Amino acid sequence: MKQSKKEIILEMIRFLIVGGVATLVDYAVFYLFNLVILKQANVNVNLIISTALGFTAGLLTNWFLQKFVYRYITTKQTKSKVVFTKFVILSLIGLGITELGINIASPIYPTLVLSIFGIKFQFWKLFMKVLMTGVVLVFNYFGRKYFVFKYENPQENLDSPTKLEQEKENEEANE
């Protein structure tokens, strides 16, 4: 049984909310390291480390909030090392796309700077971070939906509705 259009739209909205929270965490960590902690480091080293640390913080935030997005995820899936490994691999591919995009732009736009309250913002970094976020957002939605948390109708995998109800009760009791 397929998801209804309404279920898909609500899932996409939840995905955007969770992704937005994870992205805010990613950006906050990225800028904390980029502008404060690693400010004096070589620009390429700074970008790689700041992007990777922001990504890691966003990844963990996203992992813990995925059950909110994909309502059909079971407790077994959230505790599965295989599912987590798929999640991380897909996310690492997304990180690679982000790193590639940001570092391609690095030598092109180093002079676009705006100073606000004494903090210098380099617009090319923000522009490429936002652009790559959009690309990776689409990649992650479809990758997670069809590769990591493959949608399966719970009714097709259980012998009776009683087992489905029992599994939901067990999950709620464990939360």
N, C-alpha and C. Protein backbone atom coordinates (compact mmCIF):
# COMPACT_ATOMS: atom_id res chain seq x y z
N MET A 1 0.84 -1.18 0.00
CA MET A 1 0.00 0.00 0.00
C MET A 1 0.89 1.24 0.00
N LYS A 2 0.59 2.16 -0.88
CA LYS A 2 1.39 3.37 -1.00
C LYS A 2 0.88 4.44 -0.04
N GLN A 3 1.76 5.39 0.24
CA GLN A 3 1.38 6.53 1.05
C GLN A 3 0.43 7.42 0.26
N SER A 4 -0.52 8.03 0.93
CA SER A 4 -1.41 8.98 0.27
C SER A 4 -0.64 10.27 -0.01
N LYS A 5 -1.19 11.10 -0.89
CA LYS A 5 -0.55 12.39 -1.19
C LYS A 5 -0.43 13.24 0.08
N LYS A 6 -1.47 13.20 0.91
CA LYS A 6 -1.45 13.96 2.15
C LYS A 6 -0.32 13.49 3.06
N GLU A 7 -0.14 12.16 3.18
CA GLU A 7 0.94 11.61 4.00
C GLU A 7 2.30 12.04 3.47
N ILE A 8 2.46 12.02 2.16
CA ILE A 8 3.73 12.42 1.55
C ILE A 8 4.01 13.89 1.80
N ILE A 9 3.00 14.74 1.64
CA ILE A 9 3.18 16.19 1.88
C ILE A 9 3.54 16.45 3.34
N LEU A 10 2.83 15.80 4.26
CA LEU A 10 3.14 15.97 5.68
C LEU A 10 4.54 15.46 5.99
N GLU A 11 4.93 14.36 5.38
CA GLU A 11 6.28 13.82 5.57
C GLU A 11 7.33 14.82 5.08
N MET A 12 7.08 15.43 3.93
CA MET A 12 8.02 16.43 3.40
C MET A 12 8.11 17.64 4.32
N ILE A 13 6.98 18.07 4.87
CA ILE A 13 6.99 19.20 5.80
C ILE A 13 7.80 18.84 7.04
N ARG A 14 7.57 17.65 7.58
CA ARG A 14 8.34 17.20 8.75
C ARG A 14 9.83 17.10 8.41
N PHE A 15 10.15 16.62 7.20
CA PHE A 15 11.53 16.51 6.75
C PHE A 15 12.18 17.90 6.73
N LEU A 16 11.45 18.89 6.22
CA LEU A 16 11.98 20.25 6.16
C LEU A 16 12.18 20.84 7.56
N ILE A 17 11.27 20.55 8.48
CA ILE A 17 11.41 21.04 9.85
C ILE A 17 12.64 20.43 10.51
N VAL A 18 12.74 19.11 10.45
CA VAL A 18 13.89 18.42 11.05
C VAL A 18 15.18 18.85 10.35
N GLY A 19 15.13 18.93 9.03
CA GLY A 19 16.30 19.37 8.28
C GLY A 19 16.68 20.80 8.63
N GLY A 20 15.67 21.65 8.86
CA GLY A 20 15.94 23.03 9.26
C GLY A 20 16.64 23.12 10.60
N VAL A 21 16.17 22.33 11.56
CA VAL A 21 16.80 22.30 12.88
C VAL A 21 18.24 21.79 12.75
N ALA A 22 18.42 20.69 12.02
CA ALA A 22 19.77 20.13 11.84
C ALA A 22 20.67 21.10 11.09
N THR A 23 20.11 21.80 10.12
CA THR A 23 20.89 22.79 9.36
C THR A 23 21.31 23.95 10.25
N LEU A 24 20.42 24.42 11.11
CA LEU A 24 20.79 25.48 12.05
C LEU A 24 21.94 25.04 12.96
N VAL A 25 21.88 23.80 13.43
CA VAL A 25 22.97 23.27 14.25
C VAL A 25 24.25 23.21 13.42
N ASP A 26 24.15 22.70 12.19
CA ASP A 26 25.29 22.61 11.28
C ASP A 26 25.91 23.99 11.07
N TYR A 27 25.09 24.98 10.69
CA TYR A 27 25.58 26.34 10.42
C TYR A 27 26.20 26.96 11.67
N ALA A 28 25.55 26.78 12.82
CA ALA A 28 26.07 27.37 14.06
C ALA A 28 27.46 26.82 14.38
N VAL A 29 27.62 25.51 14.28
CA VAL A 29 28.93 24.90 14.56
C VAL A 29 29.94 25.33 13.49
N PHE A 30 29.51 25.34 12.22
CA PHE A 30 30.38 25.78 11.11
C PHE A 30 30.91 27.18 11.38
N TYR A 31 30.02 28.13 11.69
CA TYR A 31 30.46 29.50 11.91
C TYR A 31 31.22 29.69 13.22
N LEU A 32 30.88 28.94 14.24
CA LEU A 32 31.64 29.02 15.49
C LEU A 32 33.11 28.67 15.22
N PHE A 33 33.33 27.56 14.52
CA PHE A 33 34.70 27.16 14.23
C PHE A 33 35.34 28.05 13.17
N ASN A 34 34.58 28.40 12.14
CA ASN A 34 35.12 29.18 11.03
C ASN A 34 35.50 30.59 11.44
N LEU A 35 34.66 31.24 12.24
CA LEU A 35 34.90 32.64 12.58
C LEU A 35 35.56 32.88 13.93
N VAL A 36 35.51 31.87 14.81
CA VAL A 36 36.03 32.08 16.15
C VAL A 36 37.22 31.16 16.44
N ILE A 37 36.97 29.89 16.48
CA ILE A 37 37.99 28.94 16.95
C ILE A 37 39.13 28.76 15.96
N LEU A 38 38.80 28.63 14.66
CA LEU A 38 39.86 28.40 13.65
C LEU A 38 40.11 29.62 12.78
N LYS A 39 39.78 30.78 13.30
CA LYS A 39 39.88 32.03 12.53
C LYS A 39 41.26 32.24 11.90
N GLN A 40 42.31 31.88 12.62
CA GLN A 40 43.67 32.13 12.14
C GLN A 40 44.23 31.01 11.26
N ALA A 41 43.49 29.92 11.11
CA ALA A 41 43.99 28.79 10.31
C ALA A 41 43.94 29.12 8.82
N ASN A 42 44.71 28.35 8.06
CA ASN A 42 44.67 28.43 6.61
C ASN A 42 43.23 28.29 6.14
N VAL A 43 42.82 29.10 5.14
CA VAL A 43 41.42 29.14 4.72
C VAL A 43 40.90 27.76 4.29
N ASN A 44 41.69 26.97 3.58
CA ASN A 44 41.22 25.65 3.15
C ASN A 44 41.10 24.67 4.31
N VAL A 45 42.07 24.69 5.21
CA VAL A 45 42.02 23.83 6.40
C VAL A 45 40.83 24.24 7.26
N ASN A 46 40.67 25.54 7.45
CA ASN A 46 39.55 26.07 8.23
C ASN A 46 38.23 25.60 7.65
N LEU A 47 38.06 25.73 6.34
CA LEU A 47 36.81 25.33 5.69
C LEU A 47 36.52 23.84 5.83
N ILE A 48 37.54 23.04 5.63
CA ILE A 48 37.35 21.58 5.70
C ILE A 48 36.95 21.17 7.12
N ILE A 49 37.68 21.67 8.11
CA ILE A 49 37.39 21.30 9.50
C ILE A 49 36.05 21.87 9.96
N SER A 50 35.80 23.14 9.67
CA SER A 50 34.54 23.77 10.08
C SER A 50 33.34 23.08 9.44
N THR A 51 33.46 22.77 8.15
CA THR A 51 32.37 22.10 7.45
C THR A 51 32.14 20.70 8.00
N ALA A 52 33.21 19.97 8.24
CA ALA A 52 33.08 18.60 8.77
C ALA A 52 32.47 18.58 10.17
N LEU A 53 32.89 19.52 11.03
CA LEU A 53 32.34 19.56 12.39
C LEU A 53 30.88 19.98 12.39
N GLY A 54 30.55 20.95 11.55
CA GLY A 54 29.15 21.36 11.42
C GLY A 54 28.30 20.22 10.90
N PHE A 55 28.83 19.52 9.91
CA PHE A 55 28.15 18.35 9.35
C PHE A 55 27.88 17.29 10.41
N THR A 56 28.88 16.99 11.22
CA THR A 56 28.75 15.96 12.25
C THR A 56 27.67 16.34 13.27
N ALA A 57 27.67 17.58 13.70
CA ALA A 57 26.66 18.03 14.65
C ALA A 57 25.26 17.97 14.02
N GLY A 58 25.15 18.38 12.76
CA GLY A 58 23.88 18.31 12.05
C GLY A 58 23.43 16.88 11.82
N LEU A 59 24.37 16.00 11.50
CA LEU A 59 24.06 14.58 11.27
C LEU A 59 23.47 13.94 12.52
N LEU A 60 24.09 14.16 13.64
CA LEU A 60 23.59 13.57 14.89
C LEU A 60 22.23 14.14 15.27
N THR A 61 22.05 15.43 15.08
CA THR A 61 20.75 16.05 15.33
C THR A 61 19.70 15.40 14.44
N ASN A 62 20.02 15.26 13.18
CA ASN A 62 19.11 14.67 12.20
C ASN A 62 18.76 13.23 12.54
N TRP A 63 19.74 12.45 12.93
CA TRP A 63 19.52 11.04 13.25
C TRP A 63 18.50 10.91 14.39
N PHE A 64 18.69 11.70 15.43
CA PHE A 64 17.81 11.58 16.58
C PHE A 64 16.40 12.10 16.31
N LEU A 65 16.22 12.90 15.27
CA LEU A 65 14.90 13.44 14.95
C LEU A 65 14.19 12.73 13.78
N GLN A 66 14.83 11.72 13.17
CA GLN A 66 14.26 11.07 11.99
C GLN A 66 12.92 10.38 12.23
N LYS A 67 12.72 9.87 13.41
CA LYS A 67 11.45 9.18 13.68
C LYS A 67 10.27 10.14 13.58
N PHE A 68 10.51 11.42 13.81
CA PHE A 68 9.49 12.44 13.64
C PHE A 68 9.11 12.59 12.16
N VAL A 69 10.09 12.43 11.28
CA VAL A 69 9.86 12.60 9.84
C VAL A 69 9.14 11.40 9.25
N TYR A 70 9.77 10.25 9.38
CA TYR A 70 9.25 9.03 8.77
C TYR A 70 8.51 8.25 9.85
N ARG A 71 7.22 8.43 9.92
CA ARG A 71 6.41 7.85 11.00
C ARG A 71 6.40 6.33 10.98
N TYR A 72 6.79 5.74 9.88
CA TYR A 72 6.78 4.28 9.77
C TYR A 72 8.09 3.65 10.25
N ILE A 73 9.04 4.44 10.73
CA ILE A 73 10.29 3.90 11.26
C ILE A 73 9.98 3.15 12.56
N THR A 74 10.52 1.96 12.68
CA THR A 74 10.31 1.17 13.88
C THR A 74 11.47 1.37 14.85
N THR A 75 11.24 1.02 16.09
CA THR A 75 12.30 1.08 17.09
C THR A 75 13.47 0.19 16.67
N LYS A 76 13.16 -0.94 16.07
CA LYS A 76 14.20 -1.85 15.59
C LYS A 76 15.11 -1.14 14.58
N GLN A 77 14.52 -0.35 13.68
CA GLN A 77 15.33 0.39 12.70
C GLN A 77 16.20 1.43 13.38
N THR A 78 15.66 2.14 14.37
CA THR A 78 16.44 3.20 15.01
C THR A 78 17.59 2.65 15.84
N LYS A 79 17.52 1.37 16.19
CA LYS A 79 18.59 0.74 16.95
C LYS A 79 19.51 -0.11 16.07
N SER A 80 19.20 -0.19 14.78
CA SER A 80 19.96 -1.03 13.86
C SER A 80 21.27 -0.37 13.44
N LYS A 81 22.35 -1.12 13.58
CA LYS A 81 23.65 -0.62 13.13
C LYS A 81 23.70 -0.52 11.62
N VAL A 82 23.01 -1.41 10.93
CA VAL A 82 22.98 -1.38 9.46
C VAL A 82 22.27 -0.11 8.98
N VAL A 83 21.13 0.20 9.58
CA VAL A 83 20.39 1.40 9.19
C VAL A 83 21.21 2.65 9.51
N PHE A 84 21.83 2.68 10.68
CA PHE A 84 22.66 3.84 11.04
C PHE A 84 23.84 3.97 10.07
N THR A 85 24.45 2.84 9.70
CA THR A 85 25.56 2.86 8.75
C THR A 85 25.11 3.42 7.40
N LYS A 86 23.94 2.98 6.92
CA LYS A 86 23.39 3.52 5.66
C LYS A 86 23.17 5.03 5.79
N PHE A 87 22.62 5.44 6.93
CA PHE A 87 22.35 6.85 7.19
C PHE A 87 23.65 7.66 7.12
N VAL A 88 24.69 7.14 7.76
CA VAL A 88 25.98 7.83 7.78
C VAL A 88 26.61 7.86 6.39
N ILE A 89 26.55 6.74 5.66
CA ILE A 89 27.13 6.69 4.31
C ILE A 89 26.44 7.70 3.40
N LEU A 90 25.12 7.71 3.44
CA LEU A 90 24.37 8.67 2.62
C LEU A 90 24.75 10.10 3.02
N SER A 91 24.86 10.34 4.31
CA SER A 91 25.22 11.67 4.80
C SER A 91 26.65 12.04 4.42
N LEU A 92 27.56 11.08 4.42
CA LEU A 92 28.94 11.36 4.00
C LEU A 92 29.01 11.73 2.52
N ILE A 93 28.19 11.10 1.72
CA ILE A 93 28.11 11.49 0.30
C ILE A 93 27.63 12.94 0.21
N GLY A 94 26.63 13.28 1.03
CA GLY A 94 26.16 14.66 1.09
C GLY A 94 27.25 15.62 1.54
N LEU A 95 28.04 15.20 2.52
CA LEU A 95 29.17 16.02 2.97
C LEU A 95 30.17 16.21 1.83
N GLY A 96 30.44 15.15 1.10
CA GLY A 96 31.36 15.25 -0.04
C GLY A 96 30.86 16.25 -1.07
N ILE A 97 29.57 16.23 -1.35
CA ILE A 97 28.99 17.19 -2.29
C ILE A 97 29.15 18.61 -1.75
N THR A 98 28.89 18.80 -0.45
CA THR A 98 29.02 20.12 0.17
C THR A 98 30.47 20.60 0.14
N GLU A 99 31.38 19.74 0.57
CA GLU A 99 32.81 20.10 0.59
C GLU A 99 33.30 20.47 -0.81
N LEU A 100 32.91 19.68 -1.78
CA LEU A 100 33.32 19.93 -3.15
C LEU A 100 32.83 21.30 -3.62
N GLY A 101 31.56 21.57 -3.40
CA GLY A 101 31.00 22.85 -3.82
C GLY A 101 31.64 24.05 -3.14
N ILE A 102 31.83 23.95 -1.83
CA ILE A 102 32.43 25.07 -1.09
C ILE A 102 33.88 25.27 -1.50
N ASN A 103 34.62 24.19 -1.66
CA ASN A 103 36.04 24.33 -1.99
C ASN A 103 36.28 24.70 -3.45
N ILE A 104 35.34 24.39 -4.32
CA ILE A 104 35.46 24.85 -5.71
C ILE A 104 35.35 26.37 -5.74
N ALA A 105 34.47 26.91 -4.90
CA ALA A 105 34.25 28.36 -4.88
C ALA A 105 35.34 29.10 -4.11
N SER A 106 36.10 28.41 -3.29
CA SER A 106 37.09 29.05 -2.42
C SER A 106 38.03 30.01 -3.14
N PRO A 107 38.68 29.61 -4.21
CA PRO A 107 39.60 30.56 -4.86
C PRO A 107 38.88 31.59 -5.75
N ILE A 108 37.60 31.36 -6.03
CA ILE A 108 36.88 32.23 -6.95
C ILE A 108 36.37 33.50 -6.28
N TYR A 109 35.86 33.38 -5.05
CA TYR A 109 35.17 34.51 -4.40
C TYR A 109 35.78 34.95 -3.07
N PRO A 110 37.07 35.00 -2.90
CA PRO A 110 37.61 35.32 -1.57
C PRO A 110 37.45 36.78 -1.16
N THR A 111 37.09 37.67 -2.07
CA THR A 111 37.06 39.10 -1.73
C THR A 111 35.67 39.64 -1.40
N LEU A 112 34.63 38.83 -1.49
CA LEU A 112 33.28 39.29 -1.17
C LEU A 112 33.10 39.25 0.35
N VAL A 113 33.34 40.39 1.01
CA VAL A 113 33.33 40.45 2.47
C VAL A 113 32.42 41.60 2.92
N LEU A 114 31.68 41.37 4.00
CA LEU A 114 30.86 42.40 4.63
C LEU A 114 31.19 42.37 6.12
N SER A 115 31.40 43.54 6.71
CA SER A 115 31.71 43.60 8.13
C SER A 115 30.48 44.10 8.89
N ILE A 116 29.99 43.27 9.83
CA ILE A 116 28.85 43.62 10.67
C ILE A 116 29.29 43.47 12.12
N PHE A 117 29.19 44.54 12.89
CA PHE A 117 29.59 44.53 14.29
C PHE A 117 31.02 44.01 14.46
N GLY A 118 31.88 44.34 13.52
CA GLY A 118 33.27 43.95 13.61
C GLY A 118 33.57 42.53 13.17
N ILE A 119 32.52 41.78 12.80
CA ILE A 119 32.73 40.41 12.32
C ILE A 119 32.67 40.44 10.80
N LYS A 120 33.70 39.90 10.18
CA LYS A 120 33.74 39.88 8.72
C LYS A 120 33.05 38.62 8.20
N PHE A 121 32.06 38.84 7.34
CA PHE A 121 31.35 37.73 6.71
C PHE A 121 31.78 37.64 5.26
N GLN A 122 32.19 36.49 4.86
CA GLN A 122 32.57 36.28 3.48
C GLN A 122 31.38 35.65 2.77
N PHE A 123 30.74 36.46 1.92
CA PHE A 123 29.49 36.04 1.29
C PHE A 123 29.63 34.79 0.44
N TRP A 124 30.77 34.58 -0.18
CA TRP A 124 30.90 33.40 -1.03
C TRP A 124 30.76 32.13 -0.22
N LYS A 125 31.25 32.14 1.03
CA LYS A 125 31.12 30.97 1.89
C LYS A 125 29.64 30.70 2.18
N LEU A 126 28.93 31.75 2.55
CA LEU A 126 27.51 31.61 2.87
C LEU A 126 26.72 31.20 1.63
N PHE A 127 27.00 31.85 0.51
CA PHE A 127 26.29 31.53 -0.73
C PHE A 127 26.48 30.06 -1.11
N MET A 128 27.73 29.60 -1.09
CA MET A 128 27.99 28.21 -1.47
C MET A 128 27.44 27.24 -0.43
N LYS A 129 27.47 27.60 0.84
CA LYS A 129 26.91 26.75 1.88
C LYS A 129 25.40 26.59 1.67
N VAL A 130 24.71 27.69 1.36
CA VAL A 130 23.27 27.64 1.12
C VAL A 130 22.97 26.85 -0.16
N LEU A 131 23.71 27.10 -1.22
CA LEU A 131 23.51 26.38 -2.48
C LEU A 131 23.71 24.88 -2.29
N MET A 132 24.79 24.51 -1.63
CA MET A 132 25.07 23.08 -1.41
C MET A 132 24.04 22.46 -0.46
N THR A 133 23.54 23.25 0.50
CA THR A 133 22.49 22.75 1.39
C THR A 133 21.25 22.36 0.58
N GLY A 134 20.89 23.19 -0.39
CA GLY A 134 19.73 22.89 -1.23
C GLY A 134 19.93 21.62 -2.05
N VAL A 135 21.10 21.46 -2.62
CA VAL A 135 21.40 20.27 -3.42
C VAL A 135 21.34 19.03 -2.54
N VAL A 136 21.98 19.09 -1.39
CA VAL A 136 22.05 17.95 -0.48
C VAL A 136 20.69 17.66 0.16
N LEU A 137 19.86 18.67 0.35
CA LEU A 137 18.51 18.48 0.89
C LEU A 137 17.71 17.52 0.01
N VAL A 138 17.71 17.76 -1.28
CA VAL A 138 16.97 16.89 -2.21
C VAL A 138 17.58 15.49 -2.22
N PHE A 139 18.90 15.42 -2.28
CA PHE A 139 19.61 14.14 -2.26
C PHE A 139 19.27 13.35 -1.00
N ASN A 140 19.29 14.01 0.16
CA ASN A 140 19.01 13.33 1.43
C ASN A 140 17.57 12.85 1.54
N TYR A 141 16.61 13.66 1.10
CA TYR A 141 15.21 13.25 1.22
C TYR A 141 14.97 11.94 0.48
N PHE A 142 15.37 11.90 -0.77
CA PHE A 142 15.12 10.69 -1.56
C PHE A 142 16.00 9.53 -1.11
N GLY A 143 17.24 9.82 -0.73
CA GLY A 143 18.13 8.76 -0.25
C GLY A 143 17.64 8.12 1.03
N ARG A 144 17.18 8.95 1.95
CA ARG A 144 16.67 8.40 3.22
C ARG A 144 15.36 7.67 3.02
N LYS A 145 14.50 8.21 2.20
CA LYS A 145 13.19 7.60 2.00
C LYS A 145 13.30 6.25 1.29
N TYR A 146 14.15 6.17 0.28
CA TYR A 146 14.19 4.95 -0.54
C TYR A 146 15.39 4.05 -0.28
N PHE A 147 16.39 4.53 0.47
CA PHE A 147 17.57 3.70 0.74
C PHE A 147 17.71 3.38 2.23
N VAL A 148 17.63 4.39 3.06
CA VAL A 148 17.86 4.19 4.50
C VAL A 148 16.61 3.67 5.21
N PHE A 149 15.53 4.42 5.11
CA PHE A 149 14.29 4.06 5.80
C PHE A 149 13.23 3.66 4.78
N LYS A 150 13.56 2.70 3.96
CA LYS A 150 12.67 2.31 2.87
C LYS A 150 11.24 2.12 3.37
N TYR A 151 10.33 2.85 2.73
CA TYR A 151 8.93 2.78 3.14
C TYR A 151 8.36 1.40 2.82
N GLU A 152 7.82 0.78 3.82
CA GLU A 152 7.11 -0.48 3.66
C GLU A 152 5.83 -0.37 4.47
N ASN A 153 4.74 -0.81 3.89
CA ASN A 153 3.48 -0.79 4.60
C ASN A 153 3.57 -1.77 5.76
N PRO A 154 3.42 -1.30 6.99
CA PRO A 154 3.52 -2.19 8.15
C PRO A 154 2.52 -3.34 8.09
N GLN A 155 1.38 -3.12 7.49
CA GLN A 155 0.36 -4.17 7.40
C GLN A 155 0.83 -5.36 6.55
N GLU A 156 1.67 -5.08 5.56
CA GLU A 156 2.15 -6.15 4.68
C GLU A 156 3.19 -7.02 5.36
N ASN A 157 3.83 -6.49 6.40
CA ASN A 157 4.92 -7.21 7.06
C ASN A 157 4.48 -7.93 8.33
N LEU A 158 3.24 -7.78 8.70
CA LEU A 158 2.77 -8.39 9.93
C LEU A 158 1.60 -9.33 9.62
N ASP A 159 1.48 -10.37 10.39
CA ASP A 159 0.42 -11.35 10.16
C ASP A 159 -0.97 -10.80 10.44
N SER A 160 -1.08 -9.90 11.42
CA SER A 160 -2.40 -9.38 11.77
C SER A 160 -2.27 -7.97 12.34
N PRO A 161 -3.37 -7.22 12.30
CA PRO A 161 -3.33 -5.87 12.88
C PRO A 161 -2.98 -5.88 14.36
N THR A 162 -3.26 -6.97 15.04
CA THR A 162 -2.95 -7.07 16.46
C THR A 162 -1.44 -6.92 16.69
N LYS A 163 -0.64 -7.53 15.82
CA LYS A 163 0.82 -7.42 15.95
C LYS A 163 1.27 -5.98 15.72
N LEU A 164 0.65 -5.30 14.77
CA LEU A 164 0.99 -3.91 14.53
C LEU A 164 0.68 -3.06 15.76
N GLU A 165 -0.48 -3.25 16.32
CA GLU A 165 -0.85 -2.52 17.52
C GLU A 165 0.10 -2.85 18.67
N GLN A 166 0.48 -4.12 18.78
CA GLN A 166 1.39 -4.54 19.83
C GLN A 166 2.76 -3.88 19.67
N GLU A 167 3.25 -3.81 18.42
CA GLU A 167 4.55 -3.18 18.17
C GLU A 167 4.50 -1.70 18.53
N LYS A 168 3.44 -1.00 18.13
CA LYS A 168 3.30 0.42 18.46
C LYS A 168 3.26 0.63 19.96
N GLU A 169 2.51 -0.22 20.68
CA GLU A 169 2.44 -0.11 22.14
C GLU A 169 3.81 -0.32 22.76
N ASN A 170 4.57 -1.31 22.25
CA ASN A 170 5.91 -1.57 22.77
C ASN A 170 6.84 -0.37 22.52
N GLU A 171 6.73 0.23 21.34
CA GLU A 171 7.56 1.40 21.01
C GLU A 171 7.22 2.56 21.93
N GLU A 172 5.91 2.79 22.15
CA GLU A 172 5.51 3.89 23.03
C GLU A 172 5.95 3.65 24.46
N ALA A 173 5.93 2.40 24.90
CA ALA A 173 6.35 2.06 26.26
C ALA A 173 7.86 2.28 26.42
N ASN A 174 8.62 2.06 25.34
CA ASN A 174 10.07 2.19 25.41
C ASN A 174 10.53 3.65 25.30
N GLU A 175 9.64 4.55 24.87
CA GLU A 175 10.04 5.96 24.67
C GLU A 175 10.06 6.72 25.93
